[in-house]
Amino acid sequence: MPTKVNIVLDDDVKTDLDRLVESGLRSRVINTALRREIGLMRRRRASGLLDALRRATRVTPTADSVRMVRHDRGR
């Protein structure tokens, strides 16, 4: 369900929004832009967590990984 919110836009952003986006489409444009930005923020956060995990764990040689997978599969 849509929720009406109040936000503060910089003057230049508001001017461009008014000039470039017709009145009935502004909410859709803002929602699309926010979804993209939030998705980017989530991916960056996940990437940072993976980088931290990579630094905290040791490298497993490929042969060991293959051996473990084969063991788990019962081969």
Protein backbone atom coordinates (compact mmCIF):
# COMPACT_ATOMS: atom_id res chain seq x y z
CA MET A 1 0.00 0.00 0.00
CA PRO A 2 1.50 3.36 -0.97
CA THR A 3 2.43 5.75 1.80
CA LYS A 4 2.63 9.49 1.45
CA VAL A 5 5.85 10.97 2.88
CA ASN A 6 7.43 14.39 3.09
CA ILE A 7 11.00 14.70 1.86
CA VAL A 8 13.33 17.61 1.28
CA LEU A 9 14.92 17.94 -2.15
CA ASP A 10 17.78 20.20 -3.09
CA ASP A 11 16.62 23.11 -5.21
CA ASP A 12 18.46 21.93 -8.32
CA VAL A 13 16.97 18.42 -8.04
CA LYS A 14 13.46 19.83 -7.63
CA THR A 15 13.96 22.13 -10.62
CA ASP A 16 15.15 19.26 -12.81
CA LEU A 17 12.35 17.00 -11.61
CA ASP A 18 9.72 19.63 -12.42
CA ARG A 19 11.30 20.40 -15.78
CA LEU A 20 11.99 16.86 -16.97
CA VAL A 21 9.22 14.71 -15.47
CA GLU A 22 5.56 15.38 -16.06
CA SER A 23 3.37 15.83 -13.02
CA GLY A 24 1.69 12.41 -12.96
CA LEU A 25 4.95 10.48 -13.21
CA ARG A 26 7.11 12.08 -10.50
CA SER A 27 6.33 9.58 -7.75
CA ARG A 28 7.07 6.69 -10.11
CA VAL A 29 10.41 8.24 -11.14
CA ILE A 30 11.39 8.87 -7.50
CA ASN A 31 10.36 5.31 -6.47
CA THR A 32 12.38 3.81 -9.32
CA ALA A 33 15.44 5.89 -8.46
CA LEU A 34 15.19 4.99 -4.76
CA ARG A 35 14.79 1.28 -5.52
CA ARG A 36 17.92 1.37 -7.68
CA GLU A 37 19.91 3.26 -5.05
CA ILE A 38 18.74 1.01 -2.21
CA GLY A 39 19.65 -2.06 -4.29
CA LEU A 40 23.10 -0.61 -4.89
CA MET A 41 23.51 0.08 -1.16
CA ARG A 42 22.50 -3.52 -0.34
CA ARG A 43 24.96 -4.93 -2.88
CA ARG A 44 27.77 -2.75 -1.53
CA ARG A 45 27.01 -3.83 2.04
CA ALA A 46 26.92 -7.51 1.03
CA SER A 47 30.17 -7.08 -0.88
CA GLY A 48 31.80 -5.51 2.17
CA LEU A 49 30.64 -8.41 4.34
CA LEU A 50 32.02 -10.91 1.83
CA ASP A 51 35.33 -9.03 1.70
CA ALA A 52 35.56 -9.13 5.51
CA LEU A 53 34.74 -12.84 5.51
CA ARG A 54 37.36 -13.45 2.82
CA ARG A 55 39.99 -11.70 4.95
CA ALA A 56 38.99 -13.68 8.05
CA THR A 57 39.13 -17.15 6.50
CA ARG A 58 41.91 -19.20 5.03
CA VAL A 59 42.09 -20.22 1.38
CA THR A 60 41.06 -23.80 0.67
CA PRO A 61 42.96 -25.43 -2.18
CA THR A 62 40.80 -26.58 -5.09
CA ALA A 63 41.77 -30.21 -4.60
CA ASP A 64 40.54 -30.08 -0.98
CA SER A 65 37.25 -28.49 -2.08
CA VAL A 66 36.72 -31.20 -4.70
CA ARG A 67 37.51 -33.89 -2.13
CA MET A 68 35.01 -32.43 0.36
CA VAL A 69 32.24 -32.12 -2.24
CA ARG A 70 32.79 -35.66 -3.43
CA HIS A 71 32.74 -36.90 0.16
CA ASP A 72 29.47 -35.06 0.85
CA ARG A 73 27.94 -36.56 -2.30
CA GLY A 74 28.95 -40.03 -1.16
CA ARG A 75 31.40 -40.74 -3.95
